[in-house]
Amino acid sequence: MTRMPGHMCRLYKNGRCLFEENLNPGYNRQYRCKVMIDLEGEYDKLLLQAENFNLDAKAFGDLWEQRIEEHLKSTVVCRKMFPCEEEDGGFCAAIHDRVCLFELPECDGVCSRFKPRKE
């Protein structure tokens, strides 16, 4: 018997299985994108600074864009990062709903949890 590719399963994304993440989203923190976690922390820090300095929304937005750019250029960036080629598709093509696809288990093909894609 030959296993079929899982690409027809709703839980399949770029060779990875989303079953555990769909079962309990966000529970397994090791699946979360490390860069996104860092950026969330940076955002919270900037938000506090903006409140303390009474920055308006435009100034806050400009500072946030600058911080994102600096953060992504720094050495903190993940080695698994896969540049996104789509316009406005984010900074990494390996991110799916704040989860790093490279951290998810690989999909071997059709399994007992197979759920057909909806057309």
Protein backbone atom coordinates (compact mmCIF):
# COMPACT_ATOMS: atom_id res chain seq x y z
CA MET A 1 0.00 0.00 0.00
CA THR A 2 1.33 3.44 -0.97
CA ARG A 3 0.57 6.44 1.19
CA MET A 4 -0.96 9.33 -0.70
CA PRO A 5 0.36 12.86 -0.35
CA GLY A 6 -1.38 14.89 2.32
CA HIS A 7 -1.80 17.96 0.12
CA MET A 8 -5.53 17.23 -0.18
CA CYS A 9 -5.97 17.43 3.61
CA ARG A 10 -7.27 20.57 5.33
CA LEU A 11 -4.61 20.09 8.00
CA TYR A 12 -1.74 20.15 5.49
CA LYS A 13 0.34 23.27 4.88
CA ASN A 14 3.66 23.22 2.98
CA GLY A 15 4.54 19.68 4.04
CA ARG A 16 3.56 20.17 7.68
CA CYS A 17 0.63 18.91 9.75
CA LEU A 18 -1.55 21.50 11.48
CA PHE A 19 -3.60 18.94 13.48
CA GLU A 20 -2.17 19.70 16.93
CA GLU A 21 -2.28 23.46 16.36
CA ASN A 22 -5.89 23.30 15.12
CA LEU A 23 -6.85 21.10 18.06
CA ASN A 24 -5.65 23.64 20.62
CA PRO A 25 -4.42 26.89 18.97
CA GLY A 26 -1.54 28.57 20.75
CA TYR A 27 -1.16 25.84 23.40
CA ASN A 28 2.19 24.56 22.18
CA ARG A 29 4.41 27.64 22.46
CA GLN A 30 7.32 25.93 20.69
CA TYR A 31 5.32 26.16 17.44
CA ARG A 32 5.09 29.95 17.71
CA CYS A 33 7.35 32.07 15.54
CA LYS A 34 10.23 33.32 17.70
CA VAL A 35 10.55 36.54 15.69
CA MET A 36 6.83 37.28 16.15
CA ILE A 37 7.13 36.71 19.91
CA ASP A 38 10.05 39.17 20.01
CA LEU A 39 8.14 41.71 17.92
CA GLU A 40 5.12 41.45 20.22
CA GLY A 41 7.39 42.29 23.16
CA GLU A 42 8.89 45.21 21.26
CA TYR A 43 5.40 46.47 20.41
CA ASP A 44 4.35 46.37 24.06
CA LYS A 45 7.50 48.30 25.06
CA LEU A 46 6.88 50.92 22.37
CA LEU A 47 3.25 51.25 23.43
CA LEU A 48 4.33 52.05 26.99
CA GLN A 49 6.89 54.56 25.72
CA ALA A 50 4.27 56.18 23.49
CA GLU A 51 1.93 56.59 26.45
CA ASN A 52 4.70 58.07 28.60
CA PHE A 53 5.70 60.57 25.90
CA ASN A 54 2.13 61.28 24.70
CA LEU A 55 2.90 60.32 21.09
CA ASP A 56 0.15 60.62 18.52
CA ALA A 57 -0.89 57.72 16.27
CA LYS A 58 1.18 58.91 13.30
CA ALA A 59 4.39 59.22 15.33
CA PHE A 60 3.72 55.84 16.91
CA GLY A 61 3.16 54.23 13.51
CA ASP A 62 6.36 55.72 12.11
CA LEU A 63 8.39 54.54 15.11
CA TRP A 64 6.85 51.07 14.90
CA GLU A 65 7.73 50.70 11.21
CA GLN A 66 11.29 51.78 11.99
CA ARG A 67 11.57 49.29 14.88
CA ILE A 68 10.28 46.41 12.74
CA GLU A 69 12.81 47.21 10.05
CA GLU A 70 15.66 47.43 12.58
CA HIS A 71 14.58 44.23 14.30
CA LEU A 72 14.42 42.24 11.07
CA LYS A 73 17.90 43.46 10.06
CA SER A 74 19.40 42.53 13.42
CA THR A 75 21.10 39.25 14.28
CA VAL A 76 18.07 38.23 16.35
CA VAL A 77 16.29 37.04 13.22
CA CYS A 78 15.55 33.33 12.92
CA ARG A 79 17.80 31.19 10.73
CA LYS A 80 14.70 29.34 9.47
CA MET A 81 13.27 32.52 8.01
CA PHE A 82 12.01 32.04 4.46
CA PRO A 83 11.57 35.39 2.67
CA CYS A 84 8.02 36.09 1.54
CA GLU A 85 7.79 36.93 -2.15
CA GLU A 86 4.18 38.12 -2.07
CA GLU A 87 3.51 41.83 -1.71
CA ASP A 88 2.16 42.54 1.79
CA GLY A 89 2.52 38.84 2.67
CA GLY A 90 4.54 39.48 5.82
CA PHE A 91 8.25 39.08 6.40
CA CYS A 92 8.42 35.26 6.33
CA ALA A 93 6.63 32.72 4.14
CA ALA A 94 7.02 30.02 6.83
CA ILE A 95 4.56 31.75 9.18
CA HIS A 96 0.96 30.56 9.23
CA ASP A 97 -1.36 32.11 11.84
CA ARG A 98 1.59 33.16 14.06
CA VAL A 99 3.00 29.62 13.92
CA CYS A 100 6.31 28.66 12.31
CA LEU A 101 5.63 25.86 9.84
CA PHE A 102 9.17 24.54 10.33
CA GLU A 103 8.34 23.84 14.00
CA LEU A 104 5.27 21.71 13.17
CA PRO A 105 5.51 17.95 12.59
CA GLU A 106 6.08 16.86 9.00
CA CYS A 107 3.15 15.37 7.11
CA ASP A 108 3.84 11.85 5.88
CA GLY A 109 0.67 11.64 3.82
CA VAL A 110 -2.87 10.49 4.52
CA CYS A 111 -3.37 9.49 8.16
CA SER A 112 -6.30 8.69 10.43
CA ARG A 113 -6.82 12.44 11.02
CA PHE A 114 -7.16 13.19 7.28
CA LYS A 115 -9.83 15.80 6.57
CA PRO A 116 -10.55 16.57 2.91
CA ARG A 117 -10.16 20.17 1.77
CA LYS A 118 -13.38 22.07 1.28
CA GLU A 119 -13.85 23.34 -2.25
